[in-house]
Each structure stands twice: as structure tokens, then as C-alpha cells.
Amino acid sequence: MAASLSTGLDVHFAIPQSDTKRPIFFTRRKFTIYCNSSKSSSKPPQNPPVKRTASLSEQLQPLSTTTLPKKDQAGLLSKPKSTWVNPTKPKRSVLSLQRQTRSPYAYNPKVRELKLFANKLSDCDNSEEAFLSVLEEIPLEPTRENALLILNSLKPWQKTHLFLNWIKTKNLFPMETIFYNVTMKSLRFGRQFELIEELANEMVSNEIPLDNITYSTIITCAKRCNLFDKAVEWFERMYKTGLMPDEVTYSAVLDVYAKLGKAEEVVSLYERGVASGWKPDPIAFSVLAKMYGEAGDYDGIRYVLQEMKSLGVRPNLVVYNTLLEAMGKAGKPGLARSLFQELLESGLTPNEKTLTSLAKIYGKARWAKDALELWEEMKSKNWPMDFILYNTLLTMCADIGLVEEAEQLFLDMKKSQHCRPDSWSYTAMLKIYGSGGNVGKAMEFFEEMSEVGVELNVMGTTCLIQCLGKAGRMDELVKVFSVSVEHGIKPDDRLCGCLLSVVSRCESRADVDKVLACLHRANPRLVGFLKLIEEEVYCLDTVKEEFKGIISDTKDDARRPFCNCLIDICLSKNLNKRAHDLLYLGTLYGLYPGLYNKTAEWSLDVRSLSVGAAQTALEEWMGTLAKTIKHEEALPLLFSAQTGTGTHKFSQGLSNSFASHLKKLAAPFRQSEEKAGCFVAKREDLVPWLRSRLQT
């Protein structure tokens, strides 16, 4: 008699996407296959040749190549293979944990006596001799149940390990997996991975099976000890045995792959787990969000949000905090603001970490309005404040130029018992007053720092020197620099750049000498280079080699400011040709990427330049265009110069200075009506002006 069988079959179809930045995931459709079998028509199947078990990386490789196509890979994927499911064998769940049955010791009337003895073992000296001495007083025979109860009750990992070794030497009963698992968990608490791996290898040698808990403990301990390669190694061994990871192991290994920078493996493992029936928890999504955030991948962050919604996983506060940090690194303040509103609407209350992340995002984006609204909401709802949040809010106020709000925050910190202002708090205030040119307030805070015993840091010194330099108070500048160095401040590249900037503004030789004396104590080579470019006998090759050496010894974020200041100094001394040489050298060594652009319109981008360097770049550009006209080469219809607008309340206004210089040159550039900080000129206006300059 033929028997009819039917089963549901999951077939995965690839969804082609046009956006190659985001991983391509799979959709699932279910079909039903009916099978009729009879004894007369069936033949015994031939046994296929035995194949070796593929490693986890080999299993994940085909999936990773389809879920994360490279940029130059076509959008269409090869047709996936269908998966046949044996109708007589139910599908195995990803969470089918092989856990031990509960021991009957819970019903043992001697439990209290054994636990008291376990406490005595825990309190004794850590030496093996002292431990064995106490063991001689064991109140009951060490049966399997009694031994397991004591093992599970011991607190220090050293005692757990000693007791396991004692049990093995007594050979009273066969050792089982559960004894190793309990010991390994205790060792994991003490971050003793070497001992855990030693026990695992012992289990393999003695043919004691490693179950789900064993592997999970080994992998999570390796992760805690930052032994990520070991975690991956044991995860692969787990896969080869046929055991399926539980939810804790999946989340742990996702984090391990992310920390190793293996984004493809993270996505592949996530997809494999979901396809196997695993429902990711908030921790897993935190791992994904952090990975995409550190890479600045906005599409990846958006995908995480969509996945959580589609799987019905409600974010907890930890996930929201991770997502906010990720959006800050990805430069998405608008999305961060929307997510924060979603957090509030879900009924959660933001903690200090949440508010710190949001304050950093608003400060970096210079969103003054949103920053003020956040501050008002924090006060009205009495949200929690900690030391880091106070300093972050002060820094945000300094970035945006919110003086009154910063003063109120600083006053609140002074009144607080646990969040008294520290060096960074005072530095933020020095930055605010320094940017605003309030020398009196800045010096008042400088003196107060000495009175209350708060150490000045190099950033505070830099802010104060910048403020004094703008005000032309060179004697006080020298005093502040000397006091800072005497108190152990080591001038860094930013401070040297600040001193260079002050030199470019000095009007008298006496002031220049005072500032150069400070700069010589910080960076004598830089002072030597200034003398080199001022010499009457000038050799560009010599300047080029020395400039290259100075820039090589300077941190990346200070290289362009150095060059800007050197150009400004040349202009202040009417050394225009040498200013152009320095701009050429800066461009040659990659300090000004994207300065000149040729697309549908030709443009000049001076947003990262100082006022003097921007003027020099404009003159250089005009000279190049004049040569183009002279050679009768083709020109675009439109030309533009980008200066930016400066979002800081106290920004110097490069746009205004640039506009004044254009007016002085009578150049036919006009402020764009569509975009602030952009000056445009038409070809029919620019060409005659350039020709007139060629004739002069």
C-alpha cells in the first residue's frame, strides 16, 4: 500500500538590488511536495561517497559572496539551489539546546549542610594544601549529586578548579559533561581561558561529549578575554560537530566577527541564523548597529532598524544608545533626532549615555536650536546627569557658542557634590570665552584654575593663547605659555599652529619676537623654517625639502593649519611669491585635496583654508585660467568659488573676507542667490576680465 507524504519546503530567492552598498538578503517562499511510495517500486539508493565536513568559513563563503556583492559586481545573482527537506525527519531548531536534566539534589534534605560546607571551602586559603585539609571534613559521602551541589556552590574560580581535580582523583563515579560545564562557567568569571581550553581538550581526549553549554562557555570566555581568533576557532569546531548555536553564542560570535573587522562574516552568520530559526535579540542588533556605525554606513544602520521592525524586536535602551552612537559616527544628526523621539514615544527614559551621545551629535553638527531644546527638555524632565554628560554639554556649548547656557551648566557643576568641574570643564569655558574674544573672563577662569587646584591641559592653554593673540596682549600670552610649560604642559602641534597663527597677526617686530621665543621652546625647527623663507637668498628646492620634513613630523590634523599659517605669514611680510610657493608645496603633498575641480563647471573650494591662503589660491586659479584663455582652450559656461558660511557663532567669516578681496580685484564673481558662501561667474563675464589682466 502506497503512503502519501507531504512536507513544507523553504526555497530562498535572491532579491537583486540596485544599491550595492547594502547587503543583499533573501526572501523565503514555501512550497509543498507530495511523495507517494510503495514497496514494489522502491529501490535501495546507492550510498554517495563520504565528503569531509566543511569548515564554518567554507560554509559561510558562498553566502557572503551573495549577501555582500562588491561594488563592481553585477546586481543579478546566480540562481540559488533549492533545499530538499526529508519529510520523515522534523526540521531542527536553532535553539534545540542539549541541556542536562535537573539534578535531584534540590530535594536532598542535607542541602543546607552541604552548602555551609561549600562556604567553608570558599573562605579557606587559596593554597591546595589548605583546600585539601578542609575537604577532609566533608560531612557527607561525595556522591554524584552531593559533589555537583558543592561544585555549583563554590565562588572563587580557584576553588572550583581544585574541587573538580579532587573529584577526578577520587574516581568515585564517571565524570560527566555537567561537571566540566559548571567548572568552566566559574573559570569564565575569572577570565581563565587557558584553563577552560585545557579542560575542553581533556573532555575530547576522555570522550566526554561537549554540548551546547560547553561550546557557548568556551566561546564567550574567549570573547571576554579578547581572544577573538580562539572564539572563531571553537565556533568552527562546534559547527563541525553538528551542534546548533544558541542565542547567546550567536550574539557573541557576531560581536567577535565585528571586532575582527569581518563584516561579510557578520552578515552571513546573521542570515544563516535567521534562516535556521534564530530570532535575534537586542544584543545581536546592537552588534550590527555598532559595526555599521563605526564604518559610517548609513544604509547598514537603516537596515538594522528595518530588520528589528520586521522581526518584531523592540529595541531596549542599550540598542537605542548603540544606534545613536552609530548615527553620530555616520554623520546623520537628523536620523539621530528622529530615533531619539522614537525612544521617548516607546516609553523609555533616556539615561546619561543616551543624552551624551545626542549632545555630541548636535554639537558636532552645530545644531544650536536642537541643542537648546535638548537642554530645556533635560531640565524640565529632570533627566539624569553625570560627570561625562556635563562636560559633553559644555563642549557642545563651546562648539556652538552658547555662552549663557554654558555659564549656567558650569554653575550647576559647582553646586553639585559629585560632578565638580575638572580640567576639561574649565577648558570648555576657556574655549567659549576665547572664541568670543572675552579676554577678561578667560583670564579670570585661568586664575581660578590655579586657586582651586585644577590642572591646565594643553587644549586649555591653546584656547587661552589664541584669545590673547587675537586681543594683541602678547605679554600675558608669554606669561600663560611659560606658566603652562612650568606646570608640565608639553606643547603639541595644535599649540604650535596657534602660535604660528598669532605670528601672522603681529603688527610689530617686538611682538613677533615674543611669540617666536615661545614657539622656539615648543618647536625650534619650525622657527628655523620661518627664517629660511624670509632670507634674501631663496632656494625653492631647499625650502621644499625642509617643508617636507616638517610636515612629515606633524600630525595629520595639524598639517594643513601649519601651511595656512605659513602662507599668511608670507603675505604679512609682502612675500607673495613665496606664499604661492608654499601653496604649491601644500598641494603637492596632499594638504589641499579637492582645491581645484573641473566638472560641468570649474570650481575653487577654499573652505579649509585661512583668509590669506584662500586669497592666494584664488590668484593662482585666476592665473591658470588666464593661461587657458591664452592657449585658446575650451572653457565651461560657469565658474564658482566655495567659501562656506561658518556655522559657529564666533566664526571669523572667510566668506566676508573673500568677498572683499574679489571686490578689490574687480573680479566678476557674485554671491550665489541659491547657495550661501558660494560665488559664481559666467564665462562671458570672466573671460574679458581675465584678458584685461593679461594686457596689464
Foldseek 3Di string as FASTA:
>chain_A
DKDKFKDKFWFWWWDFDPDLVAFTATDIDIDMDIDIDDPVPDDDDDDDDDDADDFPCVVLVVVLCRRRPDPPDDRDDDGDDTDDDDRVDDADFLAPFPDDDDDPCVVPPCLVVLLVLLVVLQPWDLDLVRNVVSVVVRPDDPDVSSLLSSLLNHQALSSNVSSLVVCVVVPPDDDAQSSLLSSLQNVLVVLNLVVLVVVVVVCVVVVHDQTQSSLLSNLLSCVVVVVLVSNSVSVRVCVSVVRRHHQSSLLSNLLSCLVVVNVSSNVSSVSVNVVSNDQHALSSLLSQLLSCLQVLNPVSLVVSVVSCVVSVHDHDQSSLLSNLSSCLSNLNLPVNVVSVVVCVVVVDAHAQSSLLSNLLSCLVVLVVVVLVVSVVVCVVVVHDHAQSSLLSNLLSCLSALVLVVLVVSQVVQCVDPHRHDAQSSLLSNLSNCLLVLVLVVNVVSVVVCVVVVHQHEQSSLQSNLLSCLVVVVQVVNLVSLVVNVVSPYQHALSSLLSLLQSLLVDDDPVSNVSSVVSSCVRPVLLSVLLVQLPDPDHDLVVNLVSLVVVLVPHDLVNNLSSLQSSLSNCVSVVVLVVSLSSLVSCVVVPVDPPQWDDDLATEGECQPHDLRNLLSSVVVVLVVVLVCVVVVHDHHFKYKYAHDADSHPSDPGSLVSVVVSCVVLVAQWDQDPVDGRMTMDGPVRHVVSSVVVVVD
